[in-house]
Amino acid sequence: MFSRPNLGKRPAPYRNLGEHVNNENLLALPEEARNQLENFGFDEEKFLRWQRRVAKGSLSNQSNYVSGTIEPPEGDAWQDCPSKSKEEMEEANRVG
């Protein structure tokens, strides 16, 4: 059984960050950096939601821990890895 580290009490919300939760900094990035973010599937809306949660104090190190029981998947949930044929490996990499 894993034990949870002692993280103390929940941190207070960051003060005066509300006006800083916007995409101005993203828009100020050089075009090359924005293109690279886009190529890797950067989700601006999700990023802004996370910023708001950090600013409110609801997204923190403590909130990032799983609460409850962690159990291994059922026996039939396991799948064998594909053979090393090029096509199967490319498909496995494509779907993640």
PDB file of N, CA and C in Angstrom:
ATOM      1  N   MET A   1       0.843  -1.180   0.000  1.00  0.00           N
ATOM      2  CA  MET A   1       0.000   0.000   0.000  1.00  0.00           C
ATOM      3  C   MET A   1       0.884   1.238   0.000  1.00  0.00           C
ATOM      4  N   PHE A   2       0.573   2.154  -0.860  1.00  0.00           N
ATOM      5  CA  PHE A   2       1.309   3.407  -0.916  1.00  0.00           C
ATOM      6  C   PHE A   2       0.771   4.360   0.133  1.00  0.00           C
ATOM      7  N   SER A   3       1.668   5.091   0.750  1.00  0.00           N
ATOM      8  CA  SER A   3       1.199   6.092   1.703  1.00  0.00           C
ATOM      9  C   SER A   3       1.302   7.468   1.064  1.00  0.00           C
ATOM     10  N   ARG A   4       0.387   8.307   1.415  1.00  0.00           N
ATOM     11  CA  ARG A   4       0.366   9.664   0.904  1.00  0.00           C
ATOM     12  C   ARG A   4       1.347  10.524   1.670  1.00  0.00           C
ATOM     13  N   PRO A   5       2.126  11.323   0.981  1.00  0.00           N
ATOM     14  CA  PRO A   5       3.027  12.212   1.713  1.00  0.00           C
ATOM     15  C   PRO A   5       2.228  13.241   2.504  1.00  0.00           C
ATOM     16  N   ASN A   6       2.806  13.738   3.556  1.00  0.00           N
ATOM     17  CA  ASN A   6       2.156  14.752   4.359  1.00  0.00           C
ATOM     18  C   ASN A   6       2.316  16.091   3.649  1.00  0.00           C
ATOM     19  N   LEU A   7       1.243  16.561   3.053  1.00  0.00           N
ATOM     20  CA  LEU A   7       1.310  17.795   2.280  1.00  0.00           C
ATOM     21  C   LEU A   7       0.783  18.993   3.049  1.00  0.00           C
ATOM     22  N   GLY A   8       0.394  18.781   4.286  1.00  0.00           N
ATOM     23  CA  GLY A   8      -0.141  19.892   5.059  1.00  0.00           C
ATOM     24  C   GLY A   8      -1.525  20.265   4.583  1.00  0.00           C
ATOM     25  N   LYS A   9      -1.960  21.429   4.974  1.00  0.00           N
ATOM     26  CA  LYS A   9      -3.291  21.836   4.562  1.00  0.00           C
ATOM     27  C   LYS A   9      -3.272  22.428   3.164  1.00  0.00           C
ATOM     28  N   ARG A  10      -4.431  22.508   2.587  1.00  0.00           N
ATOM     29  CA  ARG A  10      -4.591  23.014   1.223  1.00  0.00           C
ATOM     30  C   ARG A  10      -4.070  24.455   1.140  1.00  0.00           C
ATOM     31  N   PRO A  11      -3.309  24.756   0.087  1.00  0.00           N
ATOM     32  CA  PRO A  11      -2.773  26.113  -0.017  1.00  0.00           C
ATOM     33  C   PRO A  11      -3.874  27.134  -0.241  1.00  0.00           C
ATOM     34  N   ALA A  12      -3.630  28.332   0.218  1.00  0.00           N
ATOM     35  CA  ALA A  12      -4.585  29.423  -0.010  1.00  0.00           C
ATOM     36  C   ALA A  12      -4.553  29.803  -1.480  1.00  0.00           C
ATOM     37  N   PRO A  13      -5.671  30.293  -1.996  1.00  0.00           N
ATOM     38  CA  PRO A  13      -5.671  30.746  -3.399  1.00  0.00           C
ATOM     39  C   PRO A  13      -4.651  31.858  -3.598  1.00  0.00           C
ATOM     40  N   TYR A  14      -4.096  31.879  -4.787  1.00  0.00           N
ATOM     41  CA  TYR A  14      -3.171  32.964  -5.108  1.00  0.00           C
ATOM     42  C   TYR A  14      -3.967  34.258  -5.181  1.00  0.00           C
ATOM     43  N   ARG A  15      -3.451  35.283  -4.628  1.00  0.00           N
ATOM     44  CA  ARG A  15      -4.130  36.576  -4.601  1.00  0.00           C
ATOM     45  C   ARG A  15      -3.807  37.381  -5.856  1.00  0.00           C
ATOM     46  N   ASN A  16      -4.768  38.111  -6.317  1.00  0.00           N
ATOM     47  CA  ASN A  16      -4.598  39.061  -7.420  1.00  0.00           C
ATOM     48  C   ASN A  16      -4.102  38.416  -8.708  1.00  0.00           C
ATOM     49  N   LEU A  17      -4.448  37.165  -8.941  1.00  0.00           N
ATOM     50  CA  LEU A  17      -4.050  36.539 -10.203  1.00  0.00           C
ATOM     51  C   LEU A  17      -5.166  36.542 -11.228  1.00  0.00           C
ATOM     52  N   GLY A  18      -6.370  36.885 -10.809  1.00  0.00           N
ATOM     53  CA  GLY A  18      -7.501  36.835 -11.722  1.00  0.00           C
ATOM     54  C   GLY A  18      -7.259  37.574 -13.014  1.00  0.00           C
ATOM     55  N   GLU A  19      -6.676  38.764 -12.930  1.00  0.00           N
ATOM     56  CA  GLU A  19      -6.454  39.547 -14.144  1.00  0.00           C
ATOM     57  C   GLU A  19      -5.332  38.970 -14.997  1.00  0.00           C
ATOM     58  N   HIS A  20      -4.539  38.054 -14.444  1.00  0.00           N
ATOM     59  CA  HIS A  20      -3.431  37.473 -15.199  1.00  0.00           C
ATOM     60  C   HIS A  20      -3.815  36.166 -15.883  1.00  0.00           C
ATOM     61  N   VAL A  21      -5.013  35.676 -15.622  1.00  0.00           N
ATOM     62  CA  VAL A  21      -5.458  34.432 -16.237  1.00  0.00           C
ATOM     63  C   VAL A  21      -6.086  34.781 -17.584  1.00  0.00           C
ATOM     64  N   ASN A  22      -5.252  34.826 -18.594  1.00  0.00           N
ATOM     65  CA  ASN A  22      -5.712  35.128 -19.944  1.00  0.00           C
ATOM     66  C   ASN A  22      -4.682  34.587 -20.925  1.00  0.00           C
ATOM     67  N   ASN A  23      -4.942  34.797 -22.185  1.00  0.00           N
ATOM     68  CA  ASN A  23      -4.039  34.234 -23.189  1.00  0.00           C
ATOM     69  C   ASN A  23      -3.062  35.260 -23.750  1.00  0.00           C
ATOM     70  N   GLU A  24      -2.920  36.423 -23.100  1.00  0.00           N
ATOM     71  CA  GLU A  24      -2.007  37.452 -23.612  1.00  0.00           C
ATOM     72  C   GLU A  24      -0.572  36.947 -23.706  1.00  0.00           C
ATOM     73  N   ASN A  25      -0.124  36.198 -22.698  1.00  0.00           N
ATOM     74  CA  ASN A  25       1.247  35.682 -22.740  1.00  0.00           C
ATOM     75  C   ASN A  25       1.421  34.677 -23.873  1.00  0.00           C
ATOM     76  N   LEU A  26       0.382  33.891 -24.129  1.00  0.00           N
ATOM     77  CA  LEU A  26       0.469  32.937 -25.238  1.00  0.00           C
ATOM     78  C   LEU A  26       0.549  33.676 -26.569  1.00  0.00           C
ATOM     79  N   LEU A  27      -0.256  34.718 -26.698  1.00  0.00           N
ATOM     80  CA  LEU A  27      -0.254  35.483 -27.939  1.00  0.00           C
ATOM     81  C   LEU A  27       1.067  36.216 -28.149  1.00  0.00           C
ATOM     82  N   ALA A  28       1.771  36.515 -27.063  1.00  0.00           N
ATOM     83  CA  ALA A  28       3.042  37.229 -27.156  1.00  0.00           C
ATOM     84  C   ALA A  28       4.202  36.306 -27.542  1.00  0.00           C
ATOM     85  N   LEU A  29       3.983  35.004 -27.530  1.00  0.00           N
ATOM     86  CA  LEU A  29       5.051  34.068 -27.913  1.00  0.00           C
ATOM     87  C   LEU A  29       5.403  34.253 -29.378  1.00  0.00           C
ATOM     88  N   PRO A  30       6.647  33.991 -29.726  1.00  0.00           N
ATOM     89  CA  PRO A  30       7.018  34.039 -31.147  1.00  0.00           C
ATOM     90  C   PRO A  30       6.204  33.015 -31.939  1.00  0.00           C
ATOM     91  N   GLU A  31       5.975  33.312 -33.191  1.00  0.00           N
ATOM     92  CA  GLU A  31       5.167  32.431 -34.035  1.00  0.00           C
ATOM     93  C   GLU A  31       5.719  31.000 -34.047  1.00  0.00           C
ATOM     94  N   GLU A  32       7.034  30.873 -34.070  1.00  0.00           N
ATOM     95  CA  GLU A  32       7.651  29.535 -34.083  1.00  0.00           C
ATOM     96  C   GLU A  32       7.256  28.740 -32.838  1.00  0.00           C
ATOM     97  N   ALA A  33       7.247  29.389 -31.686  1.00  0.00           N
ATOM     98  CA  ALA A  33       6.862  28.712 -30.441  1.00  0.00           C
ATOM     99  C   ALA A  33       5.381  28.335 -30.463  1.00  0.00           C
ATOM    100  N   ARG A  34       4.529  29.230 -30.947  1.00  0.00           N
ATOM    101  CA  ARG A  34       3.092  28.920 -31.035  1.00  0.00           C
ATOM    102  C   ARG A  34       2.854  27.761 -31.988  1.00  0.00           C
ATOM    103  N   ASN A  35       3.591  27.736 -33.116  1.00  0.00           N
ATOM    104  CA  ASN A  35       3.453  26.627 -34.070  1.00  0.00           C
ATOM    105  C   ASN A  35       3.878  25.310 -33.438  1.00  0.00           C
ATOM    106  N   GLN A  36       4.950  25.349 -32.648  1.00  0.00           N
ATOM    107  CA  GLN A  36       5.415  24.125 -32.003  1.00  0.00           C
ATOM    108  C   GLN A  36       4.370  23.636 -30.996  1.00  0.00           C
ATOM    109  N   LEU A  37       3.793  24.543 -30.227  1.00  0.00           N
ATOM    110  CA  LEU A  37       2.727  24.149 -29.299  1.00  0.00           C
ATOM    111  C   LEU A  37       1.568  23.510 -30.052  1.00  0.00           C
ATOM    112  N   GLU A  38       1.177  24.126 -31.151  1.00  0.00           N
ATOM    113  CA  GLU A  38       0.073  23.595 -31.953  1.00  0.00           C
ATOM    114  C   GLU A  38       0.410  22.212 -32.506  1.00  0.00           C
ATOM    115  N   ASN A  39       1.646  22.020 -32.965  1.00  0.00           N
ATOM    116  CA  ASN A  39       2.064  20.724 -33.514  1.00  0.00           C
ATOM    117  C   ASN A  39       1.981  19.607 -32.476  1.00  0.00           C
ATOM    118  N   PHE A  40       2.151  19.960 -31.195  1.00  0.00           N
ATOM    119  CA  PHE A  40       2.099  18.963 -30.139  1.00  0.00           C
ATOM    120  C   PHE A  40       0.726  18.880 -29.481  1.00  0.00           C
ATOM    121  N   GLY A  41      -0.274  19.531 -30.085  1.00  0.00           N
ATOM    122  CA  GLY A  41      -1.638  19.396 -29.596  1.00  0.00           C
ATOM    123  C   GLY A  41      -1.957  20.255 -28.382  1.00  0.00           C
ATOM    124  N   PHE A  42      -1.260  21.362 -28.219  1.00  0.00           N
ATOM    125  CA  PHE A  42      -1.515  22.257 -27.092  1.00  0.00           C
ATOM    126  C   PHE A  42      -2.974  22.700 -27.096  1.00  0.00           C
ATOM    127  N   ASP A  43      -3.618  22.589 -25.950  1.00  0.00           N
ATOM    128  CA  ASP A  43      -5.022  22.965 -25.796  1.00  0.00           C
ATOM    129  C   ASP A  43      -5.091  24.255 -24.983  1.00  0.00           C
ATOM    130  N   GLU A  44      -5.271  25.367 -25.667  1.00  0.00           N
ATOM    131  CA  GLU A  44      -5.257  26.672 -25.003  1.00  0.00           C
ATOM    132  C   GLU A  44      -6.377  26.791 -23.970  1.00  0.00           C
ATOM    133  N   GLU A  45      -7.572  26.317 -24.297  1.00  0.00           N
ATOM    134  CA  GLU A  45      -8.688  26.416 -23.355  1.00  0.00           C
ATOM    135  C   GLU A  45      -8.417  25.619 -22.079  1.00  0.00           C
ATOM    136  N   LYS A  46      -7.863  24.422 -22.233  1.00  0.00           N
ATOM    137  CA  LYS A  46      -7.536  23.615 -21.054  1.00  0.00           C
ATOM    138  C   LYS A  46      -6.468  24.316 -20.222  1.00  0.00           C
ATOM    139  N   PHE A  47      -5.476  24.876 -20.889  1.00  0.00           N
ATOM    140  CA  PHE A  47      -4.419  25.596 -20.195  1.00  0.00           C
ATOM    141  C   PHE A  47      -4.989  26.758 -19.386  1.00  0.00           C
ATOM    142  N   LEU A  48      -5.901  27.522 -19.976  1.00  0.00           N
ATOM    143  CA  LEU A  48      -6.518  28.643 -19.270  1.00  0.00           C
ATOM    144  C   LEU A  48      -7.384  28.163 -18.103  1.00  0.00           C
ATOM    145  N   ARG A  49      -8.083  27.039 -18.277  1.00  0.00           N
ATOM    146  CA  ARG A  49      -8.865  26.467 -17.153  1.00  0.00           C
ATOM    147  C   ARG A  49      -7.932  26.095 -16.009  1.00  0.00           C
ATOM    148  N   TRP A  50      -6.785  25.477 -16.341  1.00  0.00           N
ATOM    149  CA  TRP A  50      -5.825  25.104 -15.297  1.00  0.00           C
ATOM    150  C   TRP A  50      -5.272  26.348 -14.609  1.00  0.00           C
ATOM    151  N   GLN A  51      -4.996  27.393 -15.381  1.00  0.00           N
ATOM    152  CA  GLN A  51      -4.528  28.645 -14.785  1.00  0.00           C
ATOM    153  C   GLN A  51      -5.546  29.163 -13.769  1.00  0.00           C
ATOM    154  N   ARG A  52      -6.819  29.154 -14.148  1.00  0.00           N
ATOM    155  CA  ARG A  52      -7.858  29.647 -13.233  1.00  0.00           C
ATOM    156  C   ARG A  52      -7.919  28.788 -11.977  1.00  0.00           C
ATOM    157  N   ARG A  53      -7.775  27.465 -12.130  1.00  0.00           N
ATOM    158  CA  ARG A  53      -7.820  26.577 -10.962  1.00  0.00           C
ATOM    159  C   ARG A  53      -6.628  26.812 -10.043  1.00  0.00           C
ATOM    160  N   VAL A  54      -5.438  27.044 -10.610  1.00  0.00           N
ATOM    161  CA  VAL A  54      -4.270  27.355  -9.788  1.00  0.00           C
ATOM    162  C   VAL A  54      -4.510  28.666  -9.051  1.00  0.00           C
ATOM    163  N   ALA A  55      -5.041  29.661  -9.764  1.00  0.00           N
ATOM    164  CA  ALA A  55      -5.294  30.966  -9.152  1.00  0.00           C
ATOM    165  C   ALA A  55      -6.292  30.854  -7.999  1.00  0.00           C
ATOM    166  N   LYS A  56      -7.290  29.954  -8.126  1.00  0.00           N
ATOM    167  CA  LYS A  56      -8.288  29.780  -7.058  1.00  0.00           C
ATOM    168  C   LYS A  56      -7.784  28.875  -5.940  1.00  0.00           C
ATOM    169  N   GLY A  57      -6.702  28.159  -6.168  1.00  0.00           N
ATOM    170  CA  GLY A  57      -6.169  27.249  -5.162  1.00  0.00           C
ATOM    171  C   GLY A  57      -6.752  25.849  -5.234  1.00  0.00           C
ATOM    172  N   SER A  58      -7.574  25.559  -6.265  1.00  0.00           N
ATOM    173  CA  SER A  58      -8.178  24.226  -6.359  1.00  0.00           C
ATOM    174  C   SER A  58      -7.303  23.242  -7.133  1.00  0.00           C
ATOM    175  N   LEU A  59      -6.252  23.710  -7.799  1.00  0.00           N
ATOM    176  CA  LEU A  59      -5.308  22.833  -8.483  1.00  0.00           C
ATOM    177  C   LEU A  59      -3.957  23.040  -7.818  1.00  0.00           C
ATOM    178  N   SER A  60      -3.526  22.027  -7.088  1.00  0.00           N
ATOM    179  CA  SER A  60      -2.302  22.143  -6.302  1.00  0.00           C
ATOM    180  C   SER A  60      -1.630  20.774  -6.241  1.00  0.00           C
ATOM    181  N   ASN A  61      -0.472  20.717  -5.604  1.00  0.00           N
ATOM    182  CA  ASN A  61       0.186  19.423  -5.417  1.00  0.00           C
ATOM    183  C   ASN A  61      -0.731  18.463  -4.680  1.00  0.00           C
ATOM    184  N   GLN A  62      -1.418  18.961  -3.682  1.00  0.00           N
ATOM    185  CA  GLN A  62      -2.282  18.096  -2.878  1.00  0.00           C
ATOM    186  C   GLN A  62      -3.466  17.576  -3.701  1.00  0.00           C
ATOM    187  N   SER A  63      -4.051  18.407  -4.530  1.00  0.00           N
ATOM    188  CA  SER A  63      -5.213  17.974  -5.307  1.00  0.00           C
ATOM    189  C   SER A  63      -4.829  17.024  -6.430  1.00  0.00           C
ATOM    190  N   ASN A  64      -3.550  16.883  -6.683  1.00  0.00           N
ATOM    191  CA  ASN A  64      -3.077  16.032  -7.770  1.00  0.00           C
ATOM    192  C   ASN A  64      -2.929  14.566  -7.354  1.00  0.00           C
ATOM    193  N   TYR A  65      -3.171  14.262  -6.090  1.00  0.00           N
ATOM    194  CA  TYR A  65      -3.068  12.888  -5.620  1.00  0.00           C
ATOM    195  C   TYR A  65      -4.395  12.160  -5.759  1.00  0.00           C
ATOM    196  N   VAL A  66      -4.312  10.886  -6.078  1.00  0.00           N
ATOM    197  CA  VAL A  66      -5.502  10.054  -6.189  1.00  0.00           C
ATOM    198  C   VAL A  66      -6.032   9.781  -4.796  1.00  0.00           C
ATOM    199  N   SER A  67      -7.322   9.979  -4.627  1.00  0.00           N
ATOM    200  CA  SER A  67      -7.929   9.615  -3.353  1.00  0.00           C
ATOM    201  C   SER A  67      -8.730   8.343  -3.592  1.00  0.00           C
ATOM    202  N   GLY A  68      -8.614   7.419  -2.707  1.00  0.00           N
ATOM    203  CA  GLY A  68      -9.307   6.150  -2.885  1.00  0.00           C
ATOM    204  C   GLY A  68      -8.323   5.023  -3.098  1.00  0.00           C
ATOM    205  N   THR A  69      -8.847   3.904  -3.494  1.00  0.00           N
ATOM    206  CA  THR A  69      -8.053   2.695  -3.661  1.00  0.00           C
ATOM    207  C   THR A  69      -7.609   2.539  -5.109  1.00  0.00           C
ATOM    208  N   ILE A  70      -6.351   2.202  -5.296  1.00  0.00           N
ATOM    209  CA  ILE A  70      -5.828   1.917  -6.622  1.00  0.00           C
ATOM    210  C   ILE A  70      -5.651   0.416  -6.732  1.00  0.00           C
ATOM    211  N   GLU A  71      -6.286  -0.163  -7.734  1.00  0.00           N
ATOM    212  CA  GLU A  71      -6.217  -1.613  -7.929  1.00  0.00           C
ATOM    213  C   GLU A  71      -5.789  -1.908  -9.360  1.00  0.00           C
ATOM    214  N   PRO A  72      -5.156  -3.071  -9.557  1.00  0.00           N
ATOM    215  CA  PRO A  72      -4.757  -3.431 -10.924  1.00  0.00           C
ATOM    216  C   PRO A  72      -5.990  -3.748 -11.770  1.00  0.00           C
ATOM    217  N   PRO A  73      -5.868  -3.631 -13.092  1.00  0.00           N
ATOM    218  CA  PRO A  73      -6.990  -3.965 -13.967  1.00  0.00           C
ATOM    219  C   PRO A  73      -7.358  -5.441 -13.841  1.00  0.00           C
ATOM    220  N   GLU A  74      -8.592  -5.754 -14.196  1.00  0.00           N
ATOM    221  CA  GLU A  74      -9.035  -7.150 -14.219  1.00  0.00           C
ATOM    222  C   GLU A  74      -8.191  -7.929 -15.224  1.00  0.00           C
ATOM    223  N   GLY A  75      -8.140  -9.237 -15.063  1.00  0.00           N
ATOM    224  CA  GLY A  75      -7.299 -10.086 -15.900  1.00  0.00           C
ATOM    225  C   GLY A  75      -7.551  -9.960 -17.388  1.00  0.00           C
ATOM    226  N   ASP A  76      -8.808  -9.761 -17.800  1.00  0.00           N
ATOM    227  CA  ASP A  76      -9.106  -9.693 -19.233  1.00  0.00           C
ATOM    228  C   ASP A  76      -8.859  -8.291 -19.811  1.00  0.00           C
ATOM    229  N   ALA A  77      -8.443  -7.335 -18.981  1.00  0.00           N
ATOM    230  CA  ALA A  77      -8.174  -5.979 -19.465  1.00  0.00           C
ATOM    231  C   ALA A  77      -6.784  -5.860 -20.077  1.00  0.00           C
ATOM    232  N   TRP A  78      -5.935  -6.848 -19.843  1.00  0.00           N
ATOM    233  CA  TRP A  78      -4.573  -6.804 -20.372  1.00  0.00           C
ATOM    234  C   TRP A  78      -4.565  -7.219 -21.835  1.00  0.00           C
ATOM    235  N   GLN A  79      -3.709  -6.594 -22.610  1.00  0.00           N
ATOM    236  CA  GLN A  79      -3.536  -6.974 -24.009  1.00  0.00           C
ATOM    237  C   GLN A  79      -2.058  -7.182 -24.282  1.00  0.00           C
ATOM    238  N   ASP A  80      -1.780  -8.125 -25.154  1.00  0.00           N
ATOM    239  CA  ASP A  80      -0.394  -8.334 -25.553  1.00  0.00           C
ATOM    240  C   ASP A  80       0.053  -7.190 -26.447  1.00  0.00           C
ATOM    241  N   CYS A  81       1.324  -6.841 -26.344  1.00  0.00           N
ATOM    242  CA  CYS A  81       1.885  -5.835 -27.232  1.00  0.00           C
ATOM    243  C   CYS A  81       1.904  -6.396 -28.644  1.00  0.00           C
ATOM    244  N   PRO A  82       1.823  -5.529 -29.641  1.00  0.00           N
ATOM    245  CA  PRO A  82       1.857  -6.030 -31.018  1.00  0.00           C
ATOM    246  C   PRO A  82       3.233  -6.606 -31.335  1.00  0.00           C
ATOM    247  N   SER A  83       3.243  -7.452 -32.355  1.00  0.00           N
ATOM    248  CA  SER A  83       4.532  -7.968 -32.803  1.00  0.00           C
ATOM    249  C   SER A  83       5.334  -6.798 -33.342  1.00  0.00           C
ATOM    250  N   LYS A  84       6.560  -7.064 -33.654  1.00  0.00           N
ATOM    251  CA  LYS A  84       7.428  -5.963 -34.082  1.00  0.00           C
ATOM    252  C   LYS A  84       7.342  -5.687 -35.576  1.00  0.00           C
ATOM    253  N   SER A  85       6.252  -6.131 -36.207  1.00  0.00           N
ATOM    254  CA  SER A  85       6.121  -5.793 -37.621  1.00  0.00           C
ATOM    255  C   SER A  85       5.921  -4.288 -37.732  1.00  0.00           C
ATOM    256  N   LYS A  86       6.441  -3.729 -38.775  1.00  0.00           N
ATOM    257  CA  LYS A  86       6.430  -2.277 -38.931  1.00  0.00           C
ATOM    258  C   LYS A  86       4.999  -1.730 -38.899  1.00  0.00           C
ATOM    259  N   GLU A  87       4.072  -2.372 -39.577  1.00  0.00           N
ATOM    260  CA  GLU A  87       2.705  -1.865 -39.664  1.00  0.00           C
ATOM    261  C   GLU A  87       2.020  -1.870 -38.292  1.00  0.00           C
ATOM    262  N   GLU A  88       2.178  -2.965 -37.544  1.00  0.00           N
ATOM    263  CA  GLU A  88       1.534  -3.044 -36.230  1.00  0.00           C
ATOM    264  C   GLU A  88       2.138  -2.045 -35.248  1.00  0.00           C
ATOM    265  N   MET A  89       3.447  -1.872 -35.293  1.00  0.00           N
ATOM    266  CA  MET A  89       4.079  -0.912 -34.411  1.00  0.00           C
ATOM    267  C   MET A  89       3.664   0.531 -34.764  1.00  0.00           C
ATOM    268  N   GLU A  90       3.585   0.830 -36.045  1.00  0.00           N
ATOM    269  CA  GLU A  90       3.145   2.167 -36.448  1.00  0.00           C
ATOM    270  C   GLU A  90       1.719   2.424 -35.994  1.00  0.00           C
ATOM    271  N   GLU A  91       0.844   1.429 -36.121  1.00  0.00           N
ATOM    272  CA  GLU A  91      -0.544   1.583 -35.679  1.00  0.00           C
ATOM    273  C   GLU A  91      -0.606   1.763 -34.161  1.00  0.00           C
ATOM    274  N   ALA A  92       0.166   0.971 -33.425  1.00  0.00           N
ATOM    275  CA  ALA A  92       0.183   1.095 -31.958  1.00  0.00           C
ATOM    276  C   ALA A  92       0.685   2.474 -31.545  1.00  0.00           C
ATOM    277  N   ASN A  93       1.708   2.973 -32.189  1.00  0.00           N
ATOM    278  CA  ASN A  93       2.221   4.306 -31.893  1.00  0.00           C
ATOM    279  C   ASN A  93       1.210   5.385 -32.255  1.00  0.00           C
ATOM    280  N   ARG A  94       0.482   5.176 -33.349  1.00  0.00           N
ATOM    281  CA  ARG A  94      -0.492   6.166 -33.791  1.00  0.00           C
ATOM    282  C   ARG A  94      -1.633   6.302 -32.789  1.00  0.00           C
ATOM    283  N   VAL A  95      -2.127   5.190 -32.261  1.00  0.00           N
ATOM    284  CA  VAL A  95      -3.266   5.246 -31.343  1.00  0.00           C
ATOM    285  C   VAL A  95      -2.842   5.459 -29.896  1.00  0.00           C
ATOM    286  N   GLY A  96      -1.564   5.362 -29.633  1.00  0.00           N
ATOM    287  CA  GLY A  96      -1.059   5.636 -28.275  1.00  0.00           C
ATOM    288  C   GLY A  96      -1.143   4.452 -27.401  1.00  0.00           C
TER     289      GLY A  96
END
